[in-house]
């Protein structure tokens, strides 16, 4: 499944809009997360029960943050819980039409 999602990243300093391009290849996942005018690559896998586990980096103008995310993505929506060394964020969004 290749999908593009219009997403919102909820942080302690506000909600940021962005896009996620998600590629699934068997149980492997990868993609690109565009947020705060930066392109951020990620990789991960899908568990036997359909949960995504993703590792990546969020770059901003001021810093770079490593994260681990867990959640779900399907043909309609995406929802991830993102954990960094110091913070937790929520990401949610809907799939864009082809």
PDB file of N, CA and C in Angstrom:
ATOM      1  N   UNK A   1       0.842  -1.183   0.000  1.00  0.00           N
ATOM      2  CA  UNK A   1       0.000   0.000   0.000  1.00  0.00           C
ATOM      3  C   UNK A   1       0.885   1.243   0.000  1.00  0.00           C
ATOM      4  N   UNK A   2       0.626   2.122  -0.912  1.00  0.00           N
ATOM      5  CA  UNK A   2       1.250   3.430  -0.929  1.00  0.00           C
ATOM      6  C   UNK A   2       0.149   4.437  -0.633  1.00  0.00           C
ATOM      7  N   UNK A   3       0.380   5.320   0.344  1.00  0.00           N
ATOM      8  CA  UNK A   3      -0.666   6.255   0.733  1.00  0.00           C
ATOM      9  C   UNK A   3      -0.072   7.603   1.102  1.00  0.00           C
ATOM     10  N   UNK A   4      -0.874   8.646   0.905  1.00  0.00           N
ATOM     11  CA  UNK A   4      -0.502  10.002   1.299  1.00  0.00           C
ATOM     12  C   UNK A   4      -1.575  10.501   2.265  1.00  0.00           C
ATOM     13  N   UNK A   5      -1.119  11.003   3.413  1.00  0.00           N
ATOM     14  CA  UNK A   5      -2.036  11.471   4.452  1.00  0.00           C
ATOM     15  C   UNK A   5      -1.802  12.948   4.751  1.00  0.00           C
ATOM     16  N   UNK A   6      -2.874  13.682   4.953  1.00  0.00           N
ATOM     17  CA  UNK A   6      -2.822  15.054   5.460  1.00  0.00           C
ATOM     18  C   UNK A   6      -2.898  14.922   6.978  1.00  0.00           C
ATOM     19  N   UNK A   7      -1.847  15.365   7.697  1.00  0.00           N
ATOM     20  CA  UNK A   7      -1.757  15.070   9.128  1.00  0.00           C
ATOM     21  C   UNK A   7      -1.601  16.323   9.984  1.00  0.00           C
ATOM     22  N   UNK A   8      -1.849  16.136  11.275  1.00  0.00           N
ATOM     23  CA  UNK A   8      -1.621  17.147  12.306  1.00  0.00           C
ATOM     24  C   UNK A   8      -0.745  16.515  13.378  1.00  0.00           C
ATOM     25  N   UNK A   9       0.317  17.228  13.748  1.00  0.00           N
ATOM     26  CA  UNK A   9       1.225  16.810  14.813  1.00  0.00           C
ATOM     27  C   UNK A   9       0.940  17.697  16.011  1.00  0.00           C
ATOM     28  N   UNK A  10       0.442  17.101  17.081  1.00  0.00           N
ATOM     29  CA  UNK A  10       0.084  17.847  18.288  1.00  0.00           C
ATOM     30  C   UNK A  10       1.290  17.835  19.224  1.00  0.00           C
ATOM     31  N   UNK A  11       1.849  19.031  19.492  1.00  0.00           N
ATOM     32  CA  UNK A  11       3.021  19.173  20.352  1.00  0.00           C
ATOM     33  C   UNK A  11       2.698  20.110  21.510  1.00  0.00           C
ATOM     34  N   UNK A  12       3.625  20.234  22.431  1.00  0.00           N
ATOM     35  CA  UNK A  12       3.426  21.130  23.574  1.00  0.00           C
ATOM     36  C   UNK A  12       3.417  22.598  23.162  1.00  0.00           C
ATOM     37  N   UNK A  13       3.943  22.917  21.981  1.00  0.00           N
ATOM     38  CA  UNK A  13       3.956  24.313  21.519  1.00  0.00           C
ATOM     39  C   UNK A  13       2.910  24.572  20.434  1.00  0.00           C
ATOM     40  N   UNK A  14       1.996  23.632  20.247  1.00  0.00           N
ATOM     41  CA  UNK A  14       0.920  23.833  19.286  1.00  0.00           C
ATOM     42  C   UNK A  14       0.824  22.694  18.293  1.00  0.00           C
ATOM     43  N   UNK A  15      -0.179  22.789  17.443  1.00  0.00           N
ATOM     44  CA  UNK A  15      -0.429  21.780  16.421  1.00  0.00           C
ATOM     45  C   UNK A  15       0.169  22.237  15.102  1.00  0.00           C
ATOM     46  N   UNK A  16       0.919  21.348  14.480  1.00  0.00           N
ATOM     47  CA  UNK A  16       1.588  21.639  13.217  1.00  0.00           C
ATOM     48  C   UNK A  16       1.000  20.768  12.119  1.00  0.00           C
ATOM     49  N   UNK A  17       0.701  21.349  10.975  1.00  0.00           N
ATOM     50  CA  UNK A  17       0.197  20.601   9.834  1.00  0.00           C
ATOM     51  C   UNK A  17       1.329  19.968   9.054  1.00  0.00           C
ATOM     52  N   UNK A  18       1.024  18.898   8.331  1.00  0.00           N
ATOM     53  CA  UNK A  18       2.034  18.251   7.521  1.00  0.00           C
ATOM     54  C   UNK A  18       1.460  17.178   6.622  1.00  0.00           C
ATOM     55  N   UNK A  19       2.333  16.414   6.016  1.00  0.00           N
ATOM     56  CA  UNK A  19       1.969  15.314   5.119  1.00  0.00           C
ATOM     57  C   UNK A  19       2.837  14.109   5.450  1.00  0.00           C
ATOM     58  N   UNK A  20       2.262  12.937   5.273  1.00  0.00           N
ATOM     59  CA  UNK A  20       3.020  11.691   5.379  1.00  0.00           C
ATOM     60  C   UNK A  20       2.783  10.888   4.108  1.00  0.00           C
ATOM     61  N   UNK A  21       3.888  10.435   3.507  1.00  0.00           N
ATOM     62  CA  UNK A  21       3.852   9.478   2.422  1.00  0.00           C
ATOM     63  C   UNK A  21       4.294   8.150   3.022  1.00  0.00           C
ATOM     64  N   UNK A  22       3.419   7.161   3.014  1.00  0.00           N
ATOM     65  CA  UNK A  22       3.671   5.875   3.655  1.00  0.00           C
ATOM     66  C   UNK A  22       3.722   4.782   2.600  1.00  0.00           C
ATOM     67  N   UNK A  23       4.789   3.990   2.652  1.00  0.00           N
ATOM     68  CA  UNK A  23       4.951   2.861   1.744  1.00  0.00           C
ATOM     69  C   UNK A  23       4.996   1.590   2.574  1.00  0.00           C
ATOM     70  N   UNK A  24       4.159   0.614   2.227  1.00  0.00           N
ATOM     71  CA  UNK A  24       4.197  -0.695   2.876  1.00  0.00           C
ATOM     72  C   UNK A  24       4.674  -1.703   1.859  1.00  0.00           C
ATOM     73  N   UNK A  25       5.653  -2.510   2.266  1.00  0.00           N
ATOM     74  CA  UNK A  25       6.196  -3.555   1.419  1.00  0.00           C
ATOM     75  C   UNK A  25       6.252  -4.816   2.265  1.00  0.00           C
ATOM     76  N   UNK A  26       5.229  -5.646   2.162  1.00  0.00           N
ATOM     77  CA  UNK A  26       5.112  -6.786   3.068  1.00  0.00           C
ATOM     78  C   UNK A  26       4.882  -6.253   4.467  1.00  0.00           C
ATOM     79  N   UNK A  27       5.718  -6.651   5.415  1.00  0.00           N
ATOM     80  CA  UNK A  27       5.604  -6.149   6.789  1.00  0.00           C
ATOM     81  C   UNK A  27       6.497  -4.932   7.030  1.00  0.00           C
ATOM     82  N   UNK A  28       7.313  -4.561   6.055  1.00  0.00           N
ATOM     83  CA  UNK A  28       8.169  -3.383   6.193  1.00  0.00           C
ATOM     84  C   UNK A  28       7.425  -2.113   5.810  1.00  0.00           C
ATOM     85  N   UNK A  29       7.728  -1.014   6.493  1.00  0.00           N
ATOM     86  CA  UNK A  29       7.159   0.288   6.152  1.00  0.00           C
ATOM     87  C   UNK A  29       8.291   1.313   6.076  1.00  0.00           C
ATOM     88  N   UNK A  30       8.084   2.305   5.243  1.00  0.00           N
ATOM     89  CA  UNK A  30       9.020   3.417   5.143  1.00  0.00           C
ATOM     90  C   UNK A  30       8.248   4.599   4.598  1.00  0.00           C
ATOM     91  N   UNK A  31       8.895   5.744   4.601  1.00  0.00           N
ATOM     92  CA  UNK A  31       8.208   6.894   4.053  1.00  0.00           C
ATOM     93  C   UNK A  31       8.874   8.198   4.393  1.00  0.00           C
ATOM     94  N   UNK A  32       8.118   9.244   4.131  1.00  0.00           N
ATOM     95  CA  UNK A  32       8.575  10.603   4.348  1.00  0.00           C
ATOM     96  C   UNK A  32       7.506  11.377   5.098  1.00  0.00           C
ATOM     97  N   UNK A  33       7.938  12.131   6.090  1.00  0.00           N
ATOM     98  CA  UNK A  33       7.071  12.971   6.910  1.00  0.00           C
ATOM     99  C   UNK A  33       7.491  14.414   6.671  1.00  0.00           C
ATOM    100  N   UNK A  34       6.600  15.211   6.090  1.00  0.00           N
ATOM    101  CA  UNK A  34       6.860  16.625   5.855  1.00  0.00           C
ATOM    102  C   UNK A  34       6.160  17.439   6.947  1.00  0.00           C
ATOM    103  N   UNK A  35       6.937  18.145   7.755  1.00  0.00           N
ATOM    104  CA  UNK A  35       6.374  18.988   8.807  1.00  0.00           C
ATOM    105  C   UNK A  35       7.341  20.139   9.074  1.00  0.00           C
ATOM    106  N   UNK A  36       6.815  21.316   9.379  1.00  0.00           N
ATOM    107  CA  UNK A  36       7.601  22.513   9.672  1.00  0.00           C
ATOM    108  C   UNK A  36       8.639  22.788   8.580  1.00  0.00           C
ATOM    109  N   UNK A  37       8.193  22.660   7.330  1.00  0.00           N
ATOM    110  CA  UNK A  37       9.033  22.926   6.156  1.00  0.00           C
ATOM    111  C   UNK A  37      10.260  22.037   6.060  1.00  0.00           C
ATOM    112  N   UNK A  38      10.207  20.858   6.645  1.00  0.00           N
ATOM    113  CA  UNK A  38      11.326  19.916   6.591  1.00  0.00           C
ATOM    114  C   UNK A  38      10.839  18.550   6.118  1.00  0.00           C
ATOM    115  N   UNK A  39      11.708  17.849   5.397  1.00  0.00           N
ATOM    116  CA  UNK A  39      11.440  16.491   4.945  1.00  0.00           C
ATOM    117  C   UNK A  39      12.166  15.526   5.873  1.00  0.00           C
ATOM    118  N   UNK A  40      11.435  14.577   6.447  1.00  0.00           N
ATOM    119  CA  UNK A  40      11.980  13.643   7.434  1.00  0.00           C
ATOM    120  C   UNK A  40      11.670  12.212   7.006  1.00  0.00           C
ATOM    121  N   UNK A  41      12.693  11.399   6.805  1.00  0.00           N
ATOM    122  CA  UNK A  41      12.522   9.994   6.414  1.00  0.00           C
ATOM    123  C   UNK A  41      12.282   9.128   7.653  1.00  0.00           C
ATOM    124  N   UNK A  42      11.564   8.011   7.462  1.00  0.00           N
ATOM    125  CA  UNK A  42      11.364   7.057   8.548  1.00  0.00           C
ATOM    126  C   UNK A  42      11.317   5.639   7.998  1.00  0.00           C
ATOM    127  N   UNK A  43      11.546   4.676   8.879  1.00  0.00           N
ATOM    128  CA  UNK A  43      11.449   3.257   8.530  1.00  0.00           C
ATOM    129  C   UNK A  43      10.810   2.525   9.705  1.00  0.00           C
ATOM    130  N   UNK A  44      10.328   1.342   9.436  1.00  0.00           N
ATOM    131  CA  UNK A  44       9.731   0.551  10.510  1.00  0.00           C
ATOM    132  C   UNK A  44       9.126  -0.727   9.986  1.00  0.00           C
ATOM    133  N   UNK A  45       8.135  -1.224  10.733  1.00  0.00           N
ATOM    134  CA  UNK A  45       7.497  -2.488  10.365  1.00  0.00           C
ATOM    135  C   UNK A  45       6.067  -2.504  10.887  1.00  0.00           C
ATOM    136  N   UNK A  46       5.298  -3.448  10.348  1.00  0.00           N
ATOM    137  CA  UNK A  46       3.928  -3.674  10.791  1.00  0.00           C
ATOM    138  C   UNK A  46       3.915  -4.982  11.585  1.00  0.00           C
ATOM    139  N   UNK A  47       3.351  -4.955  12.785  1.00  0.00           N
ATOM    140  CA  UNK A  47       3.305  -6.149  13.621  1.00  0.00           C
ATOM    141  C   UNK A  47       2.240  -7.119  13.104  1.00  0.00           C
ATOM    142  N   UNK A  48       2.217  -8.312  13.661  1.00  0.00           N
ATOM    143  CA  UNK A  48       1.254  -9.331  13.240  1.00  0.00           C
ATOM    144  C   UNK A  48      -0.195  -8.877  13.439  1.00  0.00           C
ATOM    145  N   UNK A  49      -0.444  -7.976  14.398  1.00  0.00           N
ATOM    146  CA  UNK A  49      -1.810  -7.504  14.637  1.00  0.00           C
ATOM    147  C   UNK A  49      -2.110  -6.158  13.975  1.00  0.00           C
ATOM    148  N   UNK A  50      -1.262  -5.733  13.037  1.00  0.00           N
ATOM    149  CA  UNK A  50      -1.548  -4.548  12.240  1.00  0.00           C
ATOM    150  C   UNK A  50      -1.051  -3.224  12.789  1.00  0.00           C
ATOM    151  N   UNK A  51      -0.322  -3.236  13.912  1.00  0.00           N
ATOM    152  CA  UNK A  51       0.222  -1.986  14.449  1.00  0.00           C
ATOM    153  C   UNK A  51       1.513  -1.616  13.725  1.00  0.00           C
ATOM    154  N   UNK A  52       1.712  -0.328  13.529  1.00  0.00           N
ATOM    155  CA  UNK A  52       2.954   0.164  12.949  1.00  0.00           C
ATOM    156  C   UNK A  52       3.923   0.528  14.061  1.00  0.00           C
ATOM    157  N   UNK A  53       5.185   0.213  13.861  1.00  0.00           N
ATOM    158  CA  UNK A  53       6.271   0.647  14.744  1.00  0.00           C
ATOM    159  C   UNK A  53       7.273   1.340  13.831  1.00  0.00           C
ATOM    160  N   UNK A  54       7.501   2.636  14.091  1.00  0.00           N
ATOM    161  CA  UNK A  54       8.299   3.470  13.191  1.00  0.00           C
ATOM    162  C   UNK A  54       9.383   4.188  13.978  1.00  0.00           C
ATOM    163  N   UNK A  55      10.564   4.278  13.386  1.00  0.00           N
ATOM    164  CA  UNK A  55      11.656   5.075  13.940  1.00  0.00           C
ATOM    165  C   UNK A  55      12.056   6.119  12.910  1.00  0.00           C
ATOM    166  N   UNK A  56      12.312   7.330  13.402  1.00  0.00           N
ATOM    167  CA  UNK A  56      12.710   8.397  12.496  1.00  0.00           C
ATOM    168  C   UNK A  56      13.259   9.588  13.238  1.00  0.00           C
ATOM    169  N   UNK A  57      13.392  10.676  12.499  1.00  0.00           N
ATOM    170  CA  UNK A  57      13.937  11.920  13.016  1.00  0.00           C
ATOM    171  C   UNK A  57      13.020  13.051  12.570  1.00  0.00           C
ATOM    172  N   UNK A  58      12.730  13.969  13.479  1.00  0.00           N
ATOM    173  CA  UNK A  58      12.020  15.199  13.120  1.00  0.00           C
ATOM    174  C   UNK A  58      13.036  16.329  13.188  1.00  0.00           C
ATOM    175  N   UNK A  59      13.278  16.960  12.041  1.00  0.00           N
ATOM    176  CA  UNK A  59      14.181  18.100  11.974  1.00  0.00           C
ATOM    177  C   UNK A  59      13.348  19.378  12.000  1.00  0.00           C
ATOM    178  N   UNK A  60      13.798  20.344  12.755  1.00  0.00           N
ATOM    179  CA  UNK A  60      13.197  21.666  12.736  1.00  0.00           C
ATOM    180  C   UNK A  60      14.306  22.677  12.468  1.00  0.00           C
ATOM    181  N   UNK A  61      13.929  23.904  12.421  1.00  0.00           N
ATOM    182  CA  UNK A  61      14.904  24.967  12.210  1.00  0.00           C
ATOM    183  C   UNK A  61      15.935  25.008  13.333  1.00  0.00           C
ATOM    184  N   UNK A  62      15.535  24.583  14.523  1.00  0.00           N
ATOM    185  CA  UNK A  62      16.369  24.740  15.713  1.00  0.00           C
ATOM    186  C   UNK A  62      17.007  23.468  16.249  1.00  0.00           C
ATOM    187  N   UNK A  63      16.397  22.294  15.945  1.00  0.00           N
ATOM    188  CA  UNK A  63      16.949  21.063  16.505  1.00  0.00           C
ATOM    189  C   UNK A  63      16.498  19.853  15.699  1.00  0.00           C
ATOM    190  N   UNK A  64      17.110  18.723  16.012  1.00  0.00           N
ATOM    191  CA  UNK A  64      16.759  17.440  15.420  1.00  0.00           C
ATOM    192  C   UNK A  64      16.425  16.484  16.557  1.00  0.00           C
ATOM    193  N   UNK A  65      15.289  15.796  16.435  1.00  0.00           N
ATOM    194  CA  UNK A  65      14.802  14.923  17.505  1.00  0.00           C
ATOM    195  C   UNK A  65      14.557  13.523  16.957  1.00  0.00           C
ATOM    196  N   UNK A  66      15.157  12.515  17.573  1.00  0.00           N
ATOM    197  CA  UNK A  66      14.870  11.122  17.236  1.00  0.00           C
ATOM    198  C   UNK A  66      13.566  10.712  17.901  1.00  0.00           C
ATOM    199  N   UNK A  67      12.804   9.829  17.226  1.00  0.00           N
ATOM    200  CA  UNK A  67      11.542   9.376  17.817  1.00  0.00           C
ATOM    201  C   UNK A  67      11.271   7.917  17.487  1.00  0.00           C
ATOM    202  N   UNK A  68      10.377   7.339  18.285  1.00  0.00           N
ATOM    203  CA  UNK A  68       9.796   6.030  18.030  1.00  0.00           C
ATOM    204  C   UNK A  68       8.288   6.220  18.082  1.00  0.00           C
ATOM    205  N   UNK A  69       7.587   5.716  17.083  1.00  0.00           N
ATOM    206  CA  UNK A  69       6.136   5.894  17.021  1.00  0.00           C
ATOM    207  C   UNK A  69       5.442   4.542  16.900  1.00  0.00           C
ATOM    208  N   UNK A  70       4.242   4.477  17.473  1.00  0.00           N
ATOM    209  CA  UNK A  70       3.382   3.300  17.359  1.00  0.00           C
ATOM    210  C   UNK A  70       1.992   3.776  16.981  1.00  0.00           C
ATOM    211  N   UNK A  71       1.302   2.986  16.168  1.00  0.00           N
ATOM    212  CA  UNK A  71      -0.055   3.346  15.802  1.00  0.00           C
ATOM    213  C   UNK A  71      -0.563   2.535  14.641  1.00  0.00           C
ATOM    214  N   UNK A  72      -1.565   3.100  13.957  1.00  0.00           N
ATOM    215  CA  UNK A  72      -2.219   2.402  12.849  1.00  0.00           C
ATOM    216  C   UNK A  72      -2.388   3.338  11.662  1.00  0.00           C
ATOM    217  N   UNK A  73      -2.373   2.743  10.489  1.00  0.00           N
ATOM    218  CA  UNK A  73      -2.679   3.450   9.251  1.00  0.00           C
ATOM    219  C   UNK A  73      -3.470   2.504   8.364  1.00  0.00           C
ATOM    220  N   UNK A  74      -4.524   3.023   7.763  1.00  0.00           N
ATOM    221  CA  UNK A  74      -5.316   2.202   6.854  1.00  0.00           C
ATOM    222  C   UNK A  74      -5.700   3.034   5.631  1.00  0.00           C
ATOM    223  N   UNK A  75      -6.674   2.576   4.894  1.00  0.00           N
ATOM    224  CA  UNK A  75      -7.078   3.272   3.670  1.00  0.00           C
ATOM    225  C   UNK A  75      -7.798   4.586   3.920  1.00  0.00           C
ATOM    226  N   UNK A  76      -8.133   4.886   5.176  1.00  0.00           N
ATOM    227  CA  UNK A  76      -8.858   6.111   5.488  1.00  0.00           C
ATOM    228  C   UNK A  76      -8.098   7.069   6.386  1.00  0.00           C
ATOM    229  N   UNK A  77      -7.347   6.541   7.368  1.00  0.00           N
ATOM    230  CA  UNK A  77      -6.754   7.431   8.374  1.00  0.00           C
ATOM    231  C   UNK A  77      -5.441   6.886   8.921  1.00  0.00           C
ATOM    232  N   UNK A  78      -4.739   7.762   9.646  1.00  0.00           N
ATOM    233  CA  UNK A  78      -3.514   7.393  10.334  1.00  0.00           C
ATOM    234  C   UNK A  78      -3.567   7.997  11.734  1.00  0.00           C
ATOM    235  N   UNK A  79      -3.065   7.272  12.714  1.00  0.00           N
ATOM    236  CA  UNK A  79      -2.976   7.769  14.097  1.00  0.00           C
ATOM    237  C   UNK A  79      -1.735   7.150  14.729  1.00  0.00           C
ATOM    238  N   UNK A  80      -0.828   8.016  15.209  1.00  0.00           N
ATOM    239  CA  UNK A  80       0.416   7.548  15.812  1.00  0.00           C
ATOM    240  C   UNK A  80       0.651   8.238  17.146  1.00  0.00           C
ATOM    241  N   UNK A  81       1.212   7.505  18.081  1.00  0.00           N
ATOM    242  CA  UNK A  81       1.707   8.048  19.335  1.00  0.00           C
ATOM    243  C   UNK A  81       3.220   8.097  19.192  1.00  0.00           C
ATOM    244  N   UNK A  82       3.794   9.289  19.338  1.00  0.00           N
ATOM    245  CA  UNK A  82       5.218   9.496  19.090  1.00  0.00           C
ATOM    246  C   UNK A  82       5.922   9.787  20.407  1.00  0.00           C
ATOM    247  N   UNK A  83       7.013   9.072  20.628  1.00  0.00           N
ATOM    248  CA  UNK A  83       7.782   9.251  21.856  1.00  0.00           C
ATOM    249  C   UNK A  83       9.209   9.652  21.490  1.00  0.00           C
ATOM    250  N   UNK A  84       9.688  10.755  22.094  1.00  0.00           N
ATOM    251  CA  UNK A  84      11.077  11.164  21.954  1.00  0.00           C
ATOM    252  C   UNK A  84      11.758  10.926  23.300  1.00  0.00           C
ATOM    253  N   UNK A  85      12.996  11.314  23.404  1.00  0.00           N
ATOM    254  CA  UNK A  85      13.719  11.139  24.667  1.00  0.00           C
ATOM    255  C   UNK A  85      13.056  11.925  25.797  1.00  0.00           C
ATOM    256  N   UNK A  86      12.459  13.065  25.480  1.00  0.00           N
ATOM    257  CA  UNK A  86      11.909  13.942  26.514  1.00  0.00           C
ATOM    258  C   UNK A  86      10.414  14.231  26.405  1.00  0.00           C
ATOM    259  N   UNK A  87       9.791  13.933  25.255  1.00  0.00           N
ATOM    260  CA  UNK A  87       8.398  14.331  25.041  1.00  0.00           C
ATOM    261  C   UNK A  87       7.578  13.224  24.392  1.00  0.00           C
ATOM    262  N   UNK A  88       6.261  13.443  24.419  1.00  0.00           N
ATOM    263  CA  UNK A  88       5.312  12.582  23.702  1.00  0.00           C
ATOM    264  C   UNK A  88       4.418  13.479  22.854  1.00  0.00           C
ATOM    265  N   UNK A  89       4.144  13.021  21.634  1.00  0.00           N
ATOM    266  CA  UNK A  89       3.296  13.763  20.709  1.00  0.00           C
ATOM    267  C   UNK A  89       2.243  12.827  20.148  1.00  0.00           C
ATOM    268  N   UNK A  90       1.198  13.424  19.603  1.00  0.00           N
ATOM    269  CA  UNK A  90       0.157  12.684  18.912  1.00  0.00           C
ATOM    270  C   UNK A  90       0.123  13.154  17.469  1.00  0.00           C
ATOM    271  N   UNK A  91      -0.027  12.210  16.567  1.00  0.00           N
ATOM    272  CA  UNK A  91      -0.173  12.535  15.155  1.00  0.00           C
ATOM    273  C   UNK A  91      -1.430  11.861  14.645  1.00  0.00           C
ATOM    274  N   UNK A  92      -2.251  12.595  13.911  1.00  0.00           N
ATOM    275  CA  UNK A  92      -3.451  12.016  13.336  1.00  0.00           C
ATOM    276  C   UNK A  92      -3.725  12.673  11.997  1.00  0.00           C
ATOM    277  N   UNK A  93      -4.432  11.965  11.124  1.00  0.00           N
ATOM    278  CA  UNK A  93      -4.752  12.542   9.832  1.00  0.00           C
ATOM    279  C   UNK A  93      -5.611  11.625   9.001  1.00  0.00           C
ATOM    280  N   UNK A  94      -5.978  12.140   7.814  1.00  0.00           N
ATOM    281  CA  UNK A  94      -6.819  11.392   6.899  1.00  0.00           C
ATOM    282  C   UNK A  94      -6.077  11.197   5.575  1.00  0.00           C
ATOM    283  N   UNK A  95      -6.407  10.109   4.904  1.00  0.00           N
ATOM    284  CA  UNK A  95      -5.778   9.805   3.636  1.00  0.00           C
ATOM    285  C   UNK A  95      -6.315  10.743   2.571  1.00  0.00           C
ATOM    286  N   UNK A  96      -5.415  11.229   1.739  1.00  0.00           N
ATOM    287  CA  UNK A  96      -5.807  12.095   0.633  1.00  0.00           C
ATOM    288  C   UNK A  96      -6.287  11.245  -0.540  1.00  0.00           C
ATOM    289  N   UNK A  97      -7.184  11.783  -1.299  1.00  0.00           N
ATOM    290  CA  UNK A  97      -7.686  11.092  -2.481  1.00  0.00           C
ATOM    291  C   UNK A  97      -6.588  11.024  -3.534  1.00  0.00           C
ATOM    292  N   UNK A  98      -6.594   9.954  -4.284  1.00  0.00           N
ATOM    293  CA  UNK A  98      -5.590   9.755  -5.338  1.00  0.00           C
ATOM    294  C   UNK A  98      -5.849  10.704  -6.481  1.00  0.00           C
TER     295      UNK A  98
END
